[in-house]
C-alpha atoms as a PDB file:
ATOM      1  CA  MET A   1     -17.424 -11.784  17.380  1.00  0.00           C
ATOM      2  CA  LYS A   2     -18.520 -15.245  16.349  1.00  0.00           C
ATOM      3  CA  GLY A   3     -21.939 -15.401  14.779  1.00  0.00           C
ATOM      4  CA  GLY A   4     -21.678 -11.881  13.355  1.00  0.00           C
ATOM      5  CA  ASP A   5     -22.878  -8.491  14.485  1.00  0.00           C
ATOM      6  CA  ILE A   6     -26.553  -8.443  15.486  1.00  0.00           C
ATOM      7  CA  THR A   7     -26.761  -4.710  14.630  1.00  0.00           C
ATOM      8  CA  ALA A   8     -25.716  -5.303  11.002  1.00  0.00           C
ATOM      9  CA  PRO A   9     -28.457  -5.161   8.359  1.00  0.00           C
ATOM     10  CA  LYS A  10     -30.071  -8.466   7.500  1.00  0.00           C
ATOM     11  CA  GLY A  11     -28.151 -10.184   4.709  1.00  0.00           C
ATOM     12  CA  ALA A  12     -25.031  -8.042   5.209  1.00  0.00           C
ATOM     13  CA  PRO A  13     -22.017  -9.976   3.870  1.00  0.00           C
ATOM     14  CA  TYR A  14     -19.648  -8.287   6.340  1.00  0.00           C
ATOM     15  CA  PRO A  15     -20.707  -8.110  10.004  1.00  0.00           C
ATOM     16  CA  GLY A  16     -20.095  -4.673  11.489  1.00  0.00           C
ATOM     17  CA  THR A  17     -21.243  -2.619   8.505  1.00  0.00           C
ATOM     18  CA  ALA A  18     -24.069  -0.163   9.063  1.00  0.00           C
ATOM     19  CA  GLU A  19     -25.418   0.243   5.519  1.00  0.00           C
ATOM     20  CA  SER A  20     -27.270  -2.037   3.193  1.00  0.00           C
ATOM     21  CA  PRO A  21     -25.163  -4.743   1.488  1.00  0.00           C
ATOM     22  CA  GLU A  22     -25.803  -3.139  -1.916  1.00  0.00           C
ATOM     23  CA  LEU A  23     -24.458   0.252  -0.839  1.00  0.00           C
ATOM     24  CA  ARG A  24     -21.375  -1.247   0.839  1.00  0.00           C
ATOM     25  CA  SER A  25     -20.642  -3.417  -2.234  1.00  0.00           C
ATOM     26  CA  ALA A  26     -20.989  -0.368  -4.494  1.00  0.00           C
ATOM     27  CA  LEU A  27     -18.559   1.573  -2.272  1.00  0.00           C
ATOM     28  CA  ILE A  28     -16.004  -1.261  -2.326  1.00  0.00           C
ATOM     29  CA  ARG A  29     -16.234  -1.501  -6.132  1.00  0.00           C
ATOM     30  CA  LYS A  30     -15.833   2.270  -6.452  1.00  0.00           C
ATOM     31  CA  ILE A  31     -12.728   2.295  -4.240  1.00  0.00           C
ATOM     32  CA  TYR A  32     -11.016  -0.465  -6.228  1.00  0.00           C
ATOM     33  CA  VAL A  33     -11.897   1.195  -9.539  1.00  0.00           C
ATOM     34  CA  VAL A  34     -10.250   4.419  -8.288  1.00  0.00           C
ATOM     35  CA  LEU A  35      -7.233   2.379  -7.119  1.00  0.00           C
ATOM     36  CA  CYS A  36      -6.880   0.791 -10.577  1.00  0.00           C
ATOM     37  CA  LEU A  37      -7.134   4.229 -12.189  1.00  0.00           C
ATOM     38  CA  GLN A  38      -4.373   5.507  -9.881  1.00  0.00           C
ATOM     39  CA  PHE A  39      -2.031   2.741 -11.006  1.00  0.00           C
ATOM     40  CA  LEU A  40      -3.029   3.248 -14.641  1.00  0.00           C
ATOM     41  CA  LEU A  41      -2.212   6.958 -14.324  1.00  0.00           C
ATOM     42  CA  THR A  42       1.109   6.094 -12.656  1.00  0.00           C
ATOM     43  CA  ALA A  43       1.936   3.741 -15.539  1.00  0.00           C
ATOM     44  CA  VAL A  44       1.009   6.401 -18.137  1.00  0.00           C
ATOM     45  CA  VAL A  45       3.175   9.034 -16.420  1.00  0.00           C
ATOM     46  CA  ALA A  46       6.047   6.537 -16.239  1.00  0.00           C
ATOM     47  CA  ALA A  47       5.697   5.662 -19.918  1.00  0.00           C
ATOM     48  CA  VAL A  48       5.729   9.343 -20.921  1.00  0.00           C
ATOM     49  CA  VAL A  49       8.819   9.999 -18.786  1.00  0.00           C
ATOM     50  CA  VAL A  50      10.601   6.986 -20.300  1.00  0.00           C
ATOM     51  CA  LYS A  51       9.775   8.048 -23.874  1.00  0.00           C
ATOM     52  CA  VAL A  52      10.546  11.776 -23.373  1.00  0.00           C
ATOM     53  CA  PRO A  53      13.884  12.114 -21.529  1.00  0.00           C
ATOM     54  CA  ALA A  54      13.518  15.911 -21.365  1.00  0.00           C
ATOM     55  CA  ILE A  55      10.706  15.564 -18.814  1.00  0.00           C
ATOM     56  CA  PRO A  56      12.695  14.045 -15.926  1.00  0.00           C
ATOM     57  CA  HIS A  57      15.572  16.398 -16.811  1.00  0.00           C
ATOM     58  CA  PHE A  58      13.171  19.346 -16.531  1.00  0.00           C
ATOM     59  CA  PHE A  59      11.901  18.287 -13.102  1.00  0.00           C
ATOM     60  CA  LEU A  60      15.349  17.408 -11.779  1.00  0.00           C
ATOM     61  CA  SER A  61      16.986  20.599 -12.987  1.00  0.00           C
ATOM     62  CA  THR A  62      14.272  23.125 -12.142  1.00  0.00           C
ATOM     63  CA  HIS A  63      12.219  21.688  -9.289  1.00  0.00           C
ATOM     64  CA  ALA A  64      14.449  19.283  -7.407  1.00  0.00           C
ATOM     65  CA  GLY A  65      11.854  18.372  -4.794  1.00  0.00           C
ATOM     66  CA  LEU A  66       9.098  17.727  -7.301  1.00  0.00           C
ATOM     67  CA  GLY A  67      11.511  15.852  -9.526  1.00  0.00           C
ATOM     68  CA  LEU A  68      12.523  13.572  -6.682  1.00  0.00           C
ATOM     69  CA  TYR A  69       8.880  12.948  -5.823  1.00  0.00           C
ATOM     70  CA  MET A  70       8.056  12.061  -9.429  1.00  0.00           C
ATOM     71  CA  PHE A  71      11.104   9.796  -9.618  1.00  0.00           C
ATOM     72  CA  ILE A  72      10.026   7.890  -6.506  1.00  0.00           C
ATOM     73  CA  LEU A  73       6.555   7.391  -7.971  1.00  0.00           C
ATOM     74  CA  ILE A  74       7.698   6.192 -11.380  1.00  0.00           C
ATOM     75  CA  PHE A  75      10.944   4.397 -10.465  1.00  0.00           C
ATOM     76  CA  PRO A  76       9.298   0.981 -10.159  1.00  0.00           C
ATOM     77  CA  PHE A  77       8.117   1.251 -13.771  1.00  0.00           C
ATOM     78  CA  ILE A  78      11.407   2.591 -15.191  1.00  0.00           C
ATOM     79  CA  ASP A  79      13.688  -0.026 -13.694  1.00  0.00           C
ATOM     80  CA  LYS A  80      13.592  -2.998 -16.046  1.00  0.00           C
ATOM     81  CA  THR A  81      15.951  -5.316 -14.187  1.00  0.00           C
ATOM     82  CA  THR A  82      15.102  -8.852 -13.136  1.00  0.00           C
ATOM     83  CA  LEU A  83      15.082  -7.702  -9.518  1.00  0.00           C
ATOM     84  CA  SER A  84      12.376  -5.125 -10.233  1.00  0.00           C
ATOM     85  CA  THR A  85      10.281  -7.736 -12.038  1.00  0.00           C
ATOM     86  CA  ILE A  86      10.559 -10.110  -9.078  1.00  0.00           C
ATOM     87  CA  VAL A  87       9.599  -7.364  -6.625  1.00  0.00           C
ATOM     88  CA  HIS A  88       6.642  -6.337  -8.812  1.00  0.00           C
ATOM     89  CA  ALA A  89       5.426  -9.940  -8.809  1.00  0.00           C
ATOM     90  CA  LEU A  90       5.909 -10.350  -5.042  1.00  0.00           C
ATOM     91  CA  THR A  91       4.088  -7.090  -4.314  1.00  0.00           C
ATOM     92  CA  THR A  92       1.168  -8.104  -6.532  1.00  0.00           C
ATOM     93  CA  VAL A  93       0.906 -11.565  -4.960  1.00  0.00           C
ATOM     94  CA  ALA A  94       1.180 -10.142  -1.430  1.00  0.00           C
ATOM     95  CA  PHE A  95      -1.478  -7.490  -2.086  1.00  0.00           C
ATOM     96  CA  LEU A  96      -3.943  -9.910  -3.686  1.00  0.00           C
ATOM     97  CA  SER A  97      -3.396 -12.526  -0.970  1.00  0.00           C
ATOM     98  CA  LEU A  98      -3.780 -10.056   1.898  1.00  0.00           C
ATOM     99  CA  THR A  99      -6.873  -8.527   0.292  1.00  0.00           C
ATOM    100  CA  ALA A 100      -8.500 -11.917  -0.278  1.00  0.00           C
ATOM    101  CA  TYR A 101      -7.695 -12.978   3.295  1.00  0.00           C
ATOM    102  CA  THR A 102      -9.119  -9.764   4.772  1.00  0.00           C
ATOM    103  CA  PHE A 103     -12.374 -10.065   2.817  1.00  0.00           C
ATOM    104  CA  TRP A 104     -12.661 -13.740   3.834  1.00  0.00           C
ATOM    105  CA  ALA A 105     -11.968 -12.963   7.501  1.00  0.00           C
ATOM    106  CA  ALA A 106     -14.312  -9.945   7.544  1.00  0.00           C
ATOM    107  CA  SER A 107     -17.150 -12.045   6.148  1.00  0.00           C
ATOM    108  CA  ARG A 108     -16.714 -14.303   9.194  1.00  0.00           C
ATOM    109  CA  GLY A 109     -16.860 -11.431  11.664  1.00  0.00           C
ATOM    110  CA  HIS A 110     -13.148 -10.855  12.291  1.00  0.00           C
ATOM    111  CA  ASP A 111     -12.129  -7.296  13.114  1.00  0.00           C
ATOM    112  CA  PHE A 112      -8.668  -5.865  12.388  1.00  0.00           C
ATOM    113  CA  SER A 113      -9.162  -2.395  13.879  1.00  0.00           C
ATOM    114  CA  PHE A 114      -6.933  -3.401  16.822  1.00  0.00           C
ATOM    115  CA  LEU A 115      -3.945  -3.290  14.442  1.00  0.00           C
ATOM    116  CA  GLY A 116      -4.098   0.526  14.139  1.00  0.00           C
ATOM    117  CA  PRO A 117      -2.122   1.496  17.287  1.00  0.00           C
ATOM    118  CA  PHE A 118       0.443  -1.296  16.780  1.00  0.00           C
ATOM    119  CA  LEU A 119       1.039  -0.335  13.154  1.00  0.00           C
ATOM    120  CA  PHE A 120       1.374   3.352  14.023  1.00  0.00           C
ATOM    121  CA  ALA A 121       3.891   2.604  16.797  1.00  0.00           C
ATOM    122  CA  SER A 122       5.806   0.281  14.449  1.00  0.00           C
ATOM    123  CA  LEU A 123       5.897   2.978  11.783  1.00  0.00           C
ATOM    124  CA  ILE A 124       7.380   5.468  14.258  1.00  0.00           C
ATOM    125  CA  VAL A 125      10.061   2.915  15.225  1.00  0.00           C
ATOM    126  CA  LEU A 126      10.772   2.341  11.515  1.00  0.00           C
ATOM    127  CA  LEU A 127      11.166   6.081  10.904  1.00  0.00           C
ATOM    128  CA  VAL A 128      13.563   6.401  13.846  1.00  0.00           C
ATOM    129  CA  PHE A 129      15.500   3.365  12.576  1.00  0.00           C
ATOM    130  CA  GLY A 130      15.738   4.973   9.123  1.00  0.00           C
ATOM    131  CA  PHE A 131      16.947   8.247  10.641  1.00  0.00           C
ATOM    132  CA  ILE A 132      19.627   6.393  12.624  1.00  0.00           C
ATOM    133  CA  GLN A 133      20.733   4.668   9.415  1.00  0.00           C
ATOM    134  CA  ILE A 134      21.182   8.042   7.731  1.00  0.00           C
ATOM    135  CA  LEU A 135      23.338   9.353  10.570  1.00  0.00           C
ATOM    136  CA  PHE A 136      25.199   6.116  11.330  1.00  0.00           C
ATOM    137  CA  PRO A 137      25.193   3.729   8.346  1.00  0.00           C
ATOM    138  CA  LEU A 138      25.093   0.198   9.698  1.00  0.00           C
ATOM    139  CA  GLY A 139      25.752  -1.702   6.490  1.00  0.00           C
ATOM    140  CA  LYS A 140      23.962  -4.228   4.325  1.00  0.00           C
ATOM    141  CA  LEU A 141      22.382  -6.214   7.156  1.00  0.00           C
ATOM    142  CA  SER A 142      20.660  -3.139   8.584  1.00  0.00           C
ATOM    143  CA  HIS A 143      19.199  -2.338   5.141  1.00  0.00           C
ATOM    144  CA  MET A 144      17.833  -5.870   4.923  1.00  0.00           C
ATOM    145  CA  ILE A 145      16.327  -5.612   8.419  1.00  0.00           C
ATOM    146  CA  TYR A 146      14.822  -2.230   7.558  1.00  0.00           C
ATOM    147  CA  GLY A 147      13.298  -3.604   4.326  1.00  0.00           C
ATOM    148  CA  ALA A 148      11.902  -6.688   6.061  1.00  0.00           C
ATOM    149  CA  LEU A 149      10.358  -4.651   8.894  1.00  0.00           C
ATOM    150  CA  ALA A 150       8.880  -2.142   6.460  1.00  0.00           C
ATOM    151  CA  ALA A 151       7.402  -4.956   4.337  1.00  0.00           C
ATOM    152  CA  LEU A 152       5.741  -6.481   7.421  1.00  0.00           C
ATOM    153  CA  ILE A 153       4.393  -3.123   8.592  1.00  0.00           C
ATOM    154  CA  PHE A 154       2.917  -2.162   5.226  1.00  0.00           C
ATOM    155  CA  SER A 155       1.469  -5.652   4.785  1.00  0.00           C
ATOM    156  CA  GLY A 156      -0.293  -5.010   8.095  1.00  0.00           C
ATOM    157  CA  TYR A 157      -1.470  -1.639   6.804  1.00  0.00           C
ATOM    158  CA  ILE A 158      -2.961  -3.313   3.713  1.00  0.00           C
ATOM    159  CA  VAL A 159      -4.990  -5.618   5.973  1.00  0.00           C
ATOM    160  CA  HIS A 160      -5.988  -2.744   8.296  1.00  0.00           C
ATOM    161  CA  ASP A 161      -6.976  -0.358   5.493  1.00  0.00           C
ATOM    162  CA  THR A 162      -8.837  -3.083   3.590  1.00  0.00           C
ATOM    163  CA  ASP A 163     -10.771  -3.838   6.786  1.00  0.00           C
ATOM    164  CA  ASN A 164     -11.591  -0.113   7.048  1.00  0.00           C
ATOM    165  CA  ILE A 165     -12.784  -0.149   3.420  1.00  0.00           C
ATOM    166  CA  ILE A 166     -15.087  -3.060   4.222  1.00  0.00           C
ATOM    167  CA  LYS A 167     -16.501  -1.610   7.434  1.00  0.00           C
ATOM    168  CA  CYS A 168     -15.659   2.022   8.191  1.00  0.00           C
ATOM    169  CA  TYR A 169     -15.346   4.326   5.184  1.00  0.00           C
ATOM    170  CA  THR A 170     -18.489   6.175   4.143  1.00  0.00           C
ATOM    171  CA  TYR A 171     -19.596   6.527   0.555  1.00  0.00           C
ATOM    172  CA  ASP A 172     -18.122  10.058   0.352  1.00  0.00           C
ATOM    173  CA  GLU A 173     -14.681   8.897   1.505  1.00  0.00           C
ATOM    174  CA  TYR A 174     -13.911   6.597  -1.428  1.00  0.00           C
ATOM    175  CA  VAL A 175     -11.027   8.763  -2.711  1.00  0.00           C
ATOM    176  CA  TRP A 176      -9.252   8.821   0.667  1.00  0.00           C
ATOM    177  CA  ALA A 177      -9.757   5.046   0.995  1.00  0.00           C
ATOM    178  CA  ALA A 178      -8.241   4.415  -2.447  1.00  0.00           C
ATOM    179  CA  VAL A 179      -5.306   6.758  -1.763  1.00  0.00           C
ATOM    180  CA  SER A 180      -4.577   5.015   1.558  1.00  0.00           C
ATOM    181  CA  LEU A 181      -4.433   1.631  -0.149  1.00  0.00           C
ATOM    182  CA  TYR A 182      -2.342   3.034  -3.011  1.00  0.00           C
ATOM    183  CA  ILE A 183       0.228   4.403  -0.550  1.00  0.00           C
ATOM    184  CA  ASP A 184       0.329   1.049   1.276  1.00  0.00           C
ATOM    185  CA  ILE A 185       1.065  -0.815  -1.963  1.00  0.00           C
ATOM    186  CA  ILE A 186       3.759   1.640  -3.086  1.00  0.00           C
ATOM    187  CA  ASN A 187       5.416   1.469   0.337  1.00  0.00           C
ATOM    188  CA  LEU A 188       5.283  -2.325   0.310  1.00  0.00           C
ATOM    189  CA  PHE A 189       6.937  -2.329  -3.112  1.00  0.00           C
ATOM    190  CA  MET A 190       9.674   0.065  -1.983  1.00  0.00           C
ATOM    191  CA  ALA A 191      10.275  -1.989   1.186  1.00  0.00           C
ATOM    192  CA  LEU A 192      10.645  -5.219  -0.801  1.00  0.00           C
ATOM    193  CA  LEU A 193      12.877  -3.470  -3.339  1.00  0.00           C
ATOM    194  CA  ASN A 194      15.074  -2.197  -0.514  1.00  0.00           C
ATOM    195  CA  LEU A 195      15.230  -5.676   1.047  1.00  0.00           C
ATOM    196  CA  PHE A 196      16.149  -7.504  -2.156  1.00  0.00           C
ATOM    197  CA  SER A 197      18.530  -4.777  -3.332  1.00  0.00           C
ATOM    198  CA  ALA A 198      20.454  -5.057  -0.054  1.00  0.00           C
ATOM    199  CA  ALA A 199      20.476  -8.859  -0.295  1.00  0.00           C
ATOM    200  CA  ASP A 200      21.614  -8.701  -3.931  1.00  0.00           C
ATOM    201  CA  SER A 201      24.466  -6.238  -3.285  1.00  0.00           C
END
């Protein structure tokens, strides 16, 4: 796709987009603002749970499923160990680097849509691997392999979903786009935490 997409509007910064550059830039800004608000809300919920111990007790004792879900969402912000700090930093650096690379590559006409089927198949393999681990625990090495594979897969999803944000999502789909990226980042964090926890144990 060298030389860009001839069907793209004149002056479009990202070949392959169908709208005007101004509309696409506004959409991208809107998506990342929503993403920042999601993480801000997550941090606020975590802070409230940390300061009011009765809240997690309430969820865990009355609605076990909801409590577990809330715990998974806020765990990265509750854990104050050095390991958690390192994983936070690595996740941030990985996300920013992958995002910057995807925007740079997209502006030169590269397309990452081909990653979709490979990432989906890899995710299915990862789920099966995780299920096997539950039934037949394979030890520390298998946890490290699982964490490393998951980190690679969700890094790929960050690139793929960022490429979709640049080229595919319509202006009305900004919430879904932000949620997709949010889930990718959380999963990348959990994968790295799993990897380093297994290595540290």
